[in-house]
Amino acid sequence: MQSVTTQSRLNFSSLSPLARCGCGTATGTGLPSVNVSAASSGQVSGCNQGGVFYDPLKTVGNLPAGSGSLTGSICEDLPTSFLGGSVGYPNSRCSSAGYELLDNNEGPGSVEEEEIKVKLKFFFLNPMDKYLLTRKIPWKLCLQILKAVIVTAQLWAFADYRYAHTSYYTNQAITMDHLFIKDWDQAREIQGAETGKLALYRQTDFYKFVDFAISGWASVEKNSFGPFFRNSSLGFCVEHYRAANITRDLLFTLDTQLVEHCIYLHKEQWNKMDNSQEWLRGENFTVPWQALERLYLNFSLTSTSLRSFGPDPGPDCFKFMTRITFDNTDHDGQISISQDVKSARIQCSSQTAVTPRSTYSQLIMSHNILVIILCSSSLILCLRSLLRAELLKYEAEFFLGRNYGLSLTSSEKLEFLNLWYVAISVNDCLIIAGSAIKLLLELKTTGEDYWDMCSLMLGSGNF
């Protein structure tokens, strides 16, 4: 018999006796083979006639009588079931010479290709379809739902404490308006009220205003209801043009470069002076009214609140940096007045008595730790999914390039990037950082006022 030289066909000349009978395998191939000449002559030893032909679907029956020539030259002479195919379908495994084609482990129809197809199909399923297919609980989805509930509760507790701080700061600023601003009108405390500009129009009014502010600063420790304490001297600063002189004939000299000069008043000096004009003369300080741009009164106060602003029942200490500004930049005959108070929480130097934490306080602390654990778990799972997606993308791209010479386009590569996982990972990082800062603030282990930063991180993480 002429041997088949094609790589995808069996070479009958090299088969062992057992393989030629149809019960063995071709040497080195691991595949069953046939001996057509033995089958046609009926000389089949050690095997029955129905086992001559290899049938992977197990549909081989006895050879029908008169089924045609078994010389192996014409594939159509054999029934489909004897050629490795299925009844009713074309036998694509049969060659033109009547021999069965060998399986190829690479390329189209290979096991590797089917595995990649299954992986890709499963990867692009939504969580519900994955659950219906595998009947496994979607732990990542359940974790996100639980995290949303826990983090929302944390944000609610934080908003309650933050509102208490903001309300305290606002009330303290209003108190200082009454203590240091002469003729303060309560109508100005109503947002949007039409009260007109708070301004001065005469130099004598200015000195009276400064006298009122200095008197309030000097007596704040004894005269105020709140526990205010002076934390600095009082600074009087003037910002003006370097030179400006205008005559009755409207002749003037002007140097528009701005300079600033400051003098400072201590509590001991105030006890010895009668008014601000006397103090300025004693310091040899003259206000250049024609060249004036701005005037400042600067001082800082400290205070203590016995009310708790968080789970820690101890008192809180604050510093209020106050600046009263007299603005003459418009040079229109009036100087507008504004007071700016910057509040900051500071570390209390000592505490004589500490109230033990309540059950609610301990629950809030445990809640923060639980949020950090949940968000860390969510972050790890999302990063793992992103990594697996990248590995699957490289695997698919390598297979296409090796077997078909194809590569993935940019848009196809982006299909493997789940932006929801990216957004969740970023939010988890923000919530973890915000929760850690919130824990430090509530435990009062830091002297810095990080409430605004904590608000930004928790708010952005829950967006």
Protein backbone atom coordinates (compact mmCIF):
# COMPACT_ATOMS: atom_id res chain seq x y z
CA MET A 1 0.00 0.00 0.00
CA GLN A 2 1.28 3.44 -0.81
CA SER A 3 2.01 5.33 2.43
CA VAL A 4 0.48 8.72 3.07
CA THR A 5 3.14 11.38 3.40
CA THR A 6 0.88 14.23 4.52
CA GLN A 7 1.67 15.27 8.11
CA SER A 8 -1.99 15.26 9.10
CA ARG A 9 -2.61 11.63 7.97
CA LEU A 10 -1.63 8.24 9.32
CA ASN A 11 1.35 6.34 7.85
CA PHE A 12 0.13 2.74 7.77
CA SER A 13 3.54 1.29 6.89
CA SER A 14 4.88 2.26 10.31
CA LEU A 15 2.01 0.84 12.38
CA SER A 16 2.46 -2.01 14.80
CA PRO A 17 0.51 -5.24 14.29
CA LEU A 18 -1.85 -4.33 17.07
CA ALA A 19 -2.40 -0.86 15.65
CA ARG A 20 -3.08 -2.30 12.20
CA CYS A 21 -5.79 -4.42 13.69
CA GLY A 22 -7.54 -1.24 14.87
CA CYS A 23 -7.24 -2.06 18.58
CA GLY A 24 -3.91 -0.41 19.19
CA THR A 25 -2.42 2.99 18.62
CA ALA A 26 0.05 4.39 16.18
CA THR A 27 3.52 4.55 17.55
CA GLY A 28 4.20 7.92 19.18
CA THR A 29 0.79 9.32 18.35
CA GLY A 30 -1.50 7.87 20.99
CA LEU A 31 -4.31 7.64 18.41
CA PRO A 32 -6.14 4.50 17.14
CA SER A 33 -5.53 3.54 13.48
CA VAL A 34 -6.83 1.12 10.94
CA ASN A 35 -5.53 -1.44 8.46
CA VAL A 36 -7.76 -1.23 5.43
CA SER A 37 -6.27 -4.18 3.59
CA ALA A 38 -6.81 -6.47 6.58
CA ALA A 39 -10.38 -5.32 6.90
CA SER A 40 -11.15 -5.88 3.20
CA SER A 41 -9.75 -9.38 3.17
CA GLY A 42 -11.51 -10.34 6.36
CA GLN A 43 -8.18 -11.45 7.97
CA VAL A 44 -8.56 -9.68 11.28
CA SER A 45 -6.83 -11.43 14.15
CA GLY A 46 -7.35 -10.59 17.77
CA CYS A 47 -10.08 -8.02 17.02
CA ASN A 48 -13.64 -8.05 15.85
CA GLN A 49 -14.60 -6.43 12.67
CA GLY A 50 -16.46 -3.59 14.34
CA GLY A 51 -13.30 -2.30 16.00
CA VAL A 52 -11.34 -1.76 12.84
CA PHE A 53 -12.24 1.89 12.45
CA TYR A 54 -11.59 4.63 14.99
CA ASP A 55 -14.78 6.30 16.13
CA PRO A 56 -14.42 9.00 18.87
CA LEU A 57 -18.24 9.29 19.21
CA LYS A 58 -18.58 5.52 19.94
CA THR A 59 -21.04 4.96 17.11
CA VAL A 60 -19.22 2.11 15.34
CA GLY A 61 -21.37 -0.83 14.36
CA ASN A 62 -20.68 -3.93 12.30
CA LEU A 63 -19.66 -3.36 8.73
CA PRO A 64 -22.66 -3.72 6.50
CA ALA A 65 -22.46 -6.24 3.74
CA GLY A 66 -21.74 -4.79 0.34
CA SER A 67 -20.94 -1.40 1.72
CA GLY A 68 -18.42 -0.77 -0.99
CA SER A 69 -14.73 -1.08 -1.59
CA LEU A 70 -12.50 -1.05 1.48
CA THR A 71 -9.32 -0.28 -0.37
CA GLY A 72 -9.10 3.11 1.31
CA SER A 73 -9.07 5.01 -1.95
CA ILE A 74 -12.55 6.49 -1.76
CA CYS A 75 -13.81 8.04 1.53
CA GLU A 76 -17.45 8.01 0.41
CA ASP A 77 -17.47 4.21 0.28
CA LEU A 78 -17.65 4.12 4.10
CA PRO A 79 -20.65 5.09 6.17
CA THR A 80 -20.29 8.36 8.04
CA SER A 81 -20.35 6.63 11.42
CA PHE A 82 -17.27 4.63 10.45
CA LEU A 83 -15.29 7.71 9.45
CA GLY A 84 -15.23 9.42 12.81
CA GLY A 85 -18.19 11.72 12.10
CA SER A 86 -21.81 11.83 13.20
CA VAL A 87 -24.77 10.49 11.31
CA GLY A 88 -26.48 13.17 9.29
CA TYR A 89 -23.48 15.55 9.20
CA PRO A 90 -20.63 15.92 6.67
CA ASN A 91 -17.56 14.07 7.70
CA SER A 92 -14.92 16.82 7.75
CA ARG A 93 -12.35 14.49 9.36
CA CYS A 94 -12.04 12.35 6.22
CA SER A 95 -9.39 13.14 3.65
CA SER A 96 -9.71 12.70 -0.09
CA ALA A 97 -7.70 9.47 0.19
CA GLY A 98 -10.12 7.99 2.75
CA TYR A 99 -7.92 8.42 5.82
CA GLU A 100 -8.94 10.13 9.01
CA LEU A 101 -7.18 13.45 9.76
CA LEU A 102 -5.27 13.78 13.03
CA ASP A 103 -6.28 16.33 15.67
CA ASN A 104 -4.17 19.48 15.90
CA ASN A 105 -3.55 20.81 19.40
CA GLU A 106 -2.95 24.37 18.17
CA GLY A 107 -4.89 26.79 15.97
CA PRO A 108 -8.56 26.78 15.05
CA GLY A 109 -10.67 24.30 16.97
CA SER A 110 -7.92 23.42 19.44
CA VAL A 111 -8.46 22.80 23.12
CA GLU A 112 -6.49 25.95 23.98
CA GLU A 113 -8.74 28.07 21.80
CA GLU A 114 -11.88 26.66 23.39
CA GLU A 115 -10.51 27.37 26.85
CA ILE A 116 -9.78 30.99 25.96
CA LYS A 117 -13.25 31.36 24.47
CA VAL A 118 -14.81 30.09 27.68
CA LYS A 119 -12.67 32.44 29.78
CA LEU A 120 -13.55 35.46 27.65
CA LYS A 121 -17.25 34.64 27.59
CA PHE A 122 -17.34 34.25 31.37
CA PHE A 123 -15.30 37.42 31.90
CA PHE A 124 -17.77 39.63 30.03
CA LEU A 125 -20.84 38.26 31.84
CA ASN A 126 -22.56 40.52 34.38
CA PRO A 127 -22.73 39.39 38.05
CA MET A 128 -26.29 38.07 37.69
CA ASP A 129 -25.44 35.92 34.67
CA LYS A 130 -22.35 34.62 36.46
CA TYR A 131 -24.49 33.66 39.44
CA LEU A 132 -27.05 31.92 37.23
CA LEU A 133 -24.24 30.05 35.49
CA THR A 134 -22.16 29.02 38.52
CA ARG A 135 -24.71 29.31 41.35
CA LYS A 136 -21.99 30.92 43.49
CA ILE A 137 -22.76 33.90 45.70
CA PRO A 138 -21.25 37.14 44.24
CA TRP A 139 -19.21 38.08 47.27
CA LYS A 140 -17.83 41.26 45.76
CA LEU A 141 -21.31 42.57 45.01
CA CYS A 142 -22.52 41.68 48.51
CA LEU A 143 -19.46 43.39 49.99
CA GLN A 144 -20.16 46.58 48.04
CA ILE A 145 -23.76 46.66 49.26
CA LEU A 146 -22.68 46.13 52.87
CA LYS A 147 -19.95 48.73 52.51
CA ALA A 148 -22.40 51.30 51.14
CA VAL A 149 -24.64 50.88 54.19
CA ILE A 150 -21.79 50.99 56.74
CA VAL A 151 -20.01 53.95 55.11
CA THR A 152 -23.25 55.93 54.85
CA ALA A 153 -23.81 55.45 58.59
CA GLN A 154 -20.24 56.59 59.23
CA LEU A 155 -20.77 59.70 57.11
CA TRP A 156 -23.93 60.51 59.06
CA ALA A 157 -22.07 60.32 62.39
CA PHE A 158 -19.23 62.43 61.01
CA ALA A 159 -21.66 65.07 59.70
CA ASP A 160 -23.20 65.32 63.16
CA TYR A 161 -19.83 66.03 64.78
CA ARG A 162 -18.73 68.34 61.99
CA TYR A 163 -21.91 70.36 62.28
CA ALA A 164 -21.25 70.83 66.00
CA HIS A 165 -17.76 72.18 65.23
CA THR A 166 -18.97 74.50 62.47
CA SER A 167 -21.79 75.82 64.65
CA TYR A 168 -19.33 76.47 67.48
CA TYR A 169 -16.96 78.36 65.18
CA THR A 170 -19.79 80.48 63.75
CA ASN A 171 -21.13 81.39 67.18
CA GLN A 172 -17.66 82.36 68.39
CA ALA A 173 -17.18 84.62 65.36
CA ILE A 174 -20.48 86.38 66.13
CA THR A 175 -19.40 86.80 69.76
CA MET A 176 -16.19 88.49 68.66
CA ASP A 177 -18.13 90.82 66.38
CA HIS A 178 -20.00 92.08 69.44
CA LEU A 179 -16.82 92.28 71.54
CA PHE A 180 -14.54 94.10 69.10
CA ILE A 181 -16.72 95.88 66.49
CA LYS A 182 -18.15 99.19 67.70
CA ASP A 183 -21.90 99.70 67.15
CA TRP A 184 -22.39 96.18 65.81
CA ASP A 185 -25.91 95.60 64.54
CA GLN A 186 -27.48 92.17 65.07
CA ALA A 187 -29.24 92.49 61.72
CA ARG A 188 -25.86 91.88 60.08
CA GLU A 189 -25.92 88.35 61.47
CA ILE A 190 -28.85 87.53 59.18
CA GLN A 191 -27.55 86.31 55.86
CA GLY A 192 -28.88 88.42 53.00
CA ALA A 193 -30.19 91.22 55.27
CA GLU A 194 -30.02 94.71 53.73
CA THR A 195 -28.06 96.62 56.36
CA GLY A 196 -25.66 98.63 54.22
CA LYS A 197 -21.88 98.76 54.39
CA LEU A 198 -20.11 98.88 57.70
CA ALA A 199 -17.74 101.79 57.14
CA LEU A 200 -16.09 104.84 58.70
CA TYR A 201 -16.13 108.35 57.27
CA ARG A 202 -14.13 110.50 59.73
CA GLN A 203 -10.73 110.16 61.36
CA THR A 204 -12.22 110.81 64.78
CA ASP A 205 -14.59 107.87 64.23
CA PHE A 206 -11.62 105.72 63.33
CA TYR A 207 -9.79 106.43 66.58
CA LYS A 208 -12.97 105.79 68.58
CA PHE A 209 -13.35 102.47 66.77
CA VAL A 210 -9.76 101.49 67.52
CA ASP A 211 -10.20 102.48 71.18
CA PHE A 212 -13.27 100.20 71.41
CA ALA A 213 -11.41 97.25 69.84
CA ILE A 214 -8.34 97.70 72.09
CA SER A 215 -10.54 98.00 75.17
CA GLY A 216 -12.40 94.82 74.25
CA TRP A 217 -9.15 92.96 73.66
CA ALA A 218 -7.66 94.09 76.98
CA SER A 219 -10.75 93.18 79.03
CA VAL A 220 -11.83 90.03 77.17
CA GLU A 221 -10.66 87.69 79.93
CA LYS A 222 -12.79 89.40 82.60
CA ASN A 223 -15.69 90.84 80.63
CA SER A 224 -16.74 88.00 78.30
CA PHE A 225 -19.00 85.08 79.15
CA GLY A 226 -16.83 82.56 77.39
CA PRO A 227 -13.42 81.42 78.63
CA PHE A 228 -11.31 83.64 76.31
CA PHE A 229 -7.62 84.20 76.96
CA ARG A 230 -5.20 86.56 75.21
CA ASN A 231 -2.60 84.56 73.32
CA SER A 232 -0.61 87.41 71.74
CA SER A 233 -0.03 91.11 71.71
CA LEU A 234 -2.20 93.40 69.61
CA GLY A 235 -0.66 94.40 66.30
CA PHE A 236 -1.47 97.67 64.51
CA CYS A 237 -0.29 97.50 60.88
CA VAL A 238 -0.54 100.11 58.13
CA GLU A 239 -0.16 99.30 54.43
CA HIS A 240 0.38 102.42 52.32
CA TYR A 241 2.13 103.89 49.29
CA ARG A 242 5.77 104.71 49.81
CA ALA A 243 5.09 108.39 49.07
CA ALA A 244 1.89 110.34 48.43
CA ASN A 245 1.35 114.05 48.97
CA ILE A 246 -1.49 116.14 47.52
CA THR A 247 -1.71 119.95 47.84
CA ARG A 248 -4.69 122.33 47.62
CA ASP A 249 -3.65 123.07 44.04
CA LEU A 250 -3.89 119.34 43.25
CA LEU A 251 -0.17 119.03 42.89
CA PHE A 252 0.99 115.71 44.13
CA THR A 253 3.94 113.38 44.37
CA LEU A 254 3.26 109.65 44.27
CA ASP A 255 5.26 106.46 44.64
CA THR A 256 2.89 103.51 44.16
CA GLN A 257 5.17 100.93 45.77
CA LEU A 258 3.36 99.48 48.79
CA VAL A 259 5.09 99.29 52.15
CA GLU A 260 3.88 98.07 55.55
CA HIS A 261 4.70 99.22 59.04
CA CYS A 262 3.52 97.60 62.28
CA ILE A 263 3.60 98.41 65.97
CA TYR A 264 2.51 96.15 68.84
CA LEU A 265 0.59 96.84 72.02
CA HIS A 266 1.09 94.75 75.15
CA LYS A 267 -1.26 94.49 78.07
CA GLU A 268 1.10 96.47 80.32
CA GLN A 269 1.15 99.41 77.88
CA TRP A 270 -2.64 99.56 77.74
CA ASN A 271 -2.83 100.07 81.48
CA LYS A 272 -0.65 103.18 81.12
CA MET A 273 -2.35 104.86 78.12
CA ASP A 274 -5.59 106.81 77.80
CA ASN A 275 -6.46 106.24 74.12
CA SER A 276 -5.11 105.00 70.83
CA GLN A 277 -3.93 108.44 69.62
CA GLU A 278 -1.73 108.82 72.67
CA TRP A 279 -0.33 105.34 72.07
CA LEU A 280 0.48 106.15 68.43
CA ARG A 281 2.19 109.41 69.40
CA GLY A 282 4.19 107.58 72.03
CA GLU A 283 5.36 105.13 69.37
CA ASN A 284 6.15 108.04 66.99
CA PHE A 285 3.74 106.51 64.51
CA THR A 286 1.65 108.65 62.12
CA VAL A 287 -1.09 107.27 59.88
CA PRO A 288 -0.46 108.47 56.27
CA TRP A 289 -4.12 109.08 55.42
CA GLN A 290 -3.55 110.26 51.85
CA ALA A 291 -1.35 107.27 50.98
CA LEU A 292 -3.34 104.76 53.06
CA GLU A 293 -4.40 101.47 51.48
CA ARG A 294 -5.27 99.21 54.44
CA LEU A 295 -5.13 99.12 58.21
CA TYR A 296 -5.08 95.96 60.33
CA LEU A 297 -5.67 95.07 63.96
CA ASN A 298 -4.29 91.57 64.61
CA PHE A 299 -4.48 89.42 67.72
CA SER A 300 -5.23 85.85 68.73
CA LEU A 301 -7.26 84.31 71.54
CA THR A 302 -7.54 80.84 72.97
CA SER A 303 -10.65 79.24 74.39
CA THR A 304 -11.93 75.98 75.82
CA SER A 305 -15.26 74.32 75.23
CA LEU A 306 -16.58 72.02 77.91
CA ARG A 307 -18.99 70.54 75.41
CA SER A 308 -17.87 67.35 73.68
CA PHE A 309 -17.53 67.56 69.89
CA GLY A 310 -16.96 63.86 69.33
CA PRO A 311 -16.92 60.45 70.98
CA ASP A 312 -14.22 61.60 73.40
CA PRO A 313 -16.08 63.19 76.33
CA GLY A 314 -13.18 65.48 77.30
CA PRO A 315 -13.09 69.26 76.62
CA ASP A 316 -11.75 70.74 73.39
CA CYS A 317 -9.32 73.66 73.09
CA PHE A 318 -9.33 76.17 70.24
CA LYS A 319 -7.31 79.08 68.92
CA PHE A 320 -8.98 82.07 67.22
CA MET A 321 -6.76 84.23 65.01
CA THR A 322 -8.60 87.51 64.58
CA ARG A 323 -7.97 90.30 62.08
CA ILE A 324 -9.97 93.51 61.80
CA THR A 325 -9.39 95.10 58.38
CA PHE A 326 -9.94 98.75 57.44
CA ASP A 327 -10.02 98.82 53.64
CA ASN A 328 -9.30 102.09 51.81
CA THR A 329 -8.28 100.67 48.43
CA ASP A 330 -11.14 102.46 46.66
CA HIS A 331 -10.02 105.89 47.97
CA ASP A 332 -13.63 107.10 47.87
CA GLY A 333 -13.84 108.82 51.25
CA GLN A 334 -15.03 105.80 53.23
CA ILE A 335 -13.13 102.98 54.89
CA SER A 336 -14.99 99.67 55.03
CA ILE A 337 -14.58 97.41 58.03
CA SER A 338 -14.53 93.62 58.21
CA GLN A 339 -13.45 91.08 60.79
CA ASP A 340 -12.01 87.70 59.85
CA VAL A 341 -11.72 84.95 62.48
CA LYS A 342 -9.78 81.80 61.66
CA SER A 343 -10.50 78.96 64.05
CA ALA A 344 -8.28 75.96 64.72
CA ARG A 345 -8.44 73.15 67.22
CA ILE A 346 -5.33 72.82 69.38
CA GLN A 347 -4.10 70.26 71.87
CA CYS A 348 -5.12 70.99 75.43
CA SER A 349 -2.10 71.22 77.71
CA SER A 350 -3.63 69.22 80.57
CA GLN A 351 -6.84 67.67 81.78
CA THR A 352 -7.62 67.20 85.46
CA ALA A 353 -10.54 64.83 85.01
CA VAL A 354 -11.50 62.55 82.14
CA THR A 355 -14.97 61.11 81.82
CA PRO A 356 -14.95 57.44 80.74
CA ARG A 357 -16.17 56.77 77.24
CA SER A 358 -19.76 55.73 76.85
CA THR A 359 -20.98 52.71 74.93
CA TYR A 360 -21.99 54.97 72.06
CA SER A 361 -18.45 56.42 71.88
CA GLN A 362 -16.93 52.95 71.78
CA LEU A 363 -19.41 51.96 69.07
CA ILE A 364 -18.36 54.93 66.94
CA MET A 365 -14.70 53.97 67.31
CA SER A 366 -15.44 50.37 66.36
CA HIS A 367 -17.49 51.62 63.42
CA ASN A 368 -14.47 53.50 62.04
CA ILE A 369 -12.31 50.39 62.31
CA LEU A 370 -15.00 48.30 60.59
CA VAL A 371 -15.15 50.78 57.70
CA ILE A 372 -11.38 50.58 57.25
CA ILE A 373 -11.51 46.76 57.19
CA LEU A 374 -14.40 46.63 54.69
CA CYS A 375 -12.84 49.19 52.36
CA SER A 376 -9.47 47.42 52.53
CA SER A 377 -11.14 44.12 51.58
CA SER A 378 -13.02 45.81 48.75
CA LEU A 379 -9.82 47.44 47.50
CA ILE A 380 -7.96 44.11 47.48
CA LEU A 381 -10.76 42.33 45.59
CA CYS A 382 -11.05 45.09 42.99
CA LEU A 383 -7.31 45.23 42.42
CA ARG A 384 -7.25 41.44 42.07
CA SER A 385 -10.03 41.59 39.45
CA LEU A 386 -8.18 44.30 37.54
CA LEU A 387 -5.01 42.21 37.59
CA ARG A 388 -6.84 39.11 36.37
CA ALA A 389 -8.39 41.11 33.55
CA GLU A 390 -4.97 42.32 32.45
CA LEU A 391 -3.59 38.76 32.50
CA LEU A 392 -6.55 37.53 30.45
CA LYS A 393 -6.01 40.32 27.94
CA TYR A 394 -2.35 39.39 27.48
CA GLU A 395 -3.24 35.70 27.19
CA ALA A 396 -5.83 36.36 24.48
CA GLU A 397 -3.50 38.71 22.62
CA PHE A 398 -0.65 36.21 22.74
CA PHE A 399 -2.90 33.42 21.40
CA LEU A 400 -4.22 35.56 18.53
CA GLY A 401 -0.73 36.70 17.59
CA ARG A 402 0.74 33.20 17.69
CA ASN A 403 -2.00 31.36 15.80
CA TYR A 404 -3.60 33.98 13.57
CA GLY A 405 -1.11 36.83 13.37
CA LEU A 406 -3.70 39.22 14.83
CA SER A 407 -3.49 41.77 17.63
CA LEU A 408 -6.09 43.56 19.77
CA THR A 409 -6.96 47.15 18.94
CA SER A 410 -6.86 49.90 21.53
CA SER A 411 -10.63 49.91 21.92
CA GLU A 412 -10.64 46.12 22.36
CA LYS A 413 -7.95 46.36 25.03
CA LEU A 414 -10.02 48.95 26.90
CA GLU A 415 -12.87 46.44 27.03
CA PHE A 416 -10.80 44.51 29.59
CA LEU A 417 -10.53 47.59 31.85
CA ASN A 418 -13.50 47.78 34.21
CA LEU A 419 -13.84 51.45 35.10
CA TRP A 420 -16.25 50.59 37.90
CA TYR A 421 -13.47 48.69 39.65
CA VAL A 422 -11.13 51.64 39.12
CA ALA A 423 -13.69 54.08 40.60
CA ILE A 424 -14.38 51.77 43.55
CA SER A 425 -10.64 51.41 44.22
CA VAL A 426 -10.15 55.19 44.26
CA ASN A 427 -13.17 55.66 46.53
CA ASP A 428 -11.89 52.95 48.87
CA CYS A 429 -8.52 54.72 49.18
CA LEU A 430 -10.23 58.03 49.99
CA ILE A 431 -12.55 56.45 52.55
CA ILE A 432 -9.68 54.57 54.24
CA ALA A 433 -7.63 57.78 54.54
CA GLY A 434 -10.65 59.79 55.70
CA SER A 435 -11.61 57.15 58.27
CA ALA A 436 -8.07 57.09 59.65
CA ILE A 437 -8.06 60.90 60.02
CA LYS A 438 -11.53 60.80 61.59
CA LEU A 439 -10.31 58.24 64.10
CA LEU A 440 -7.32 60.42 65.03
CA LEU A 441 -9.53 63.50 65.43
CA GLU A 442 -12.08 61.74 67.59
CA LEU A 443 -9.36 60.21 69.77
CA LYS A 444 -7.69 63.66 69.99
CA THR A 445 -4.29 62.18 69.30
CA THR A 446 -3.36 65.01 66.92
CA GLY A 447 -3.12 68.72 67.60
CA GLU A 448 -3.85 69.67 64.01
CA ASP A 449 -7.33 70.58 62.80
CA TYR A 450 -7.89 68.14 59.92
CA TRP A 451 -11.69 68.37 59.84
CA ASP A 452 -11.78 70.01 56.41
CA MET A 453 -9.42 67.40 54.93
CA CYS A 454 -11.43 64.60 56.52
CA SER A 455 -14.65 66.08 55.15
CA LEU A 456 -13.17 66.29 51.66
CA MET A 457 -11.96 62.67 51.65
CA LEU A 458 -15.11 61.11 53.10
CA GLY A 459 -17.36 63.23 50.90
CA SER A 460 -15.41 62.40 47.72
CA GLY A 461 -15.18 58.71 48.67
CA ASN A 462 -18.96 58.48 49.08
CA PHE A 463 -19.68 60.34 45.83
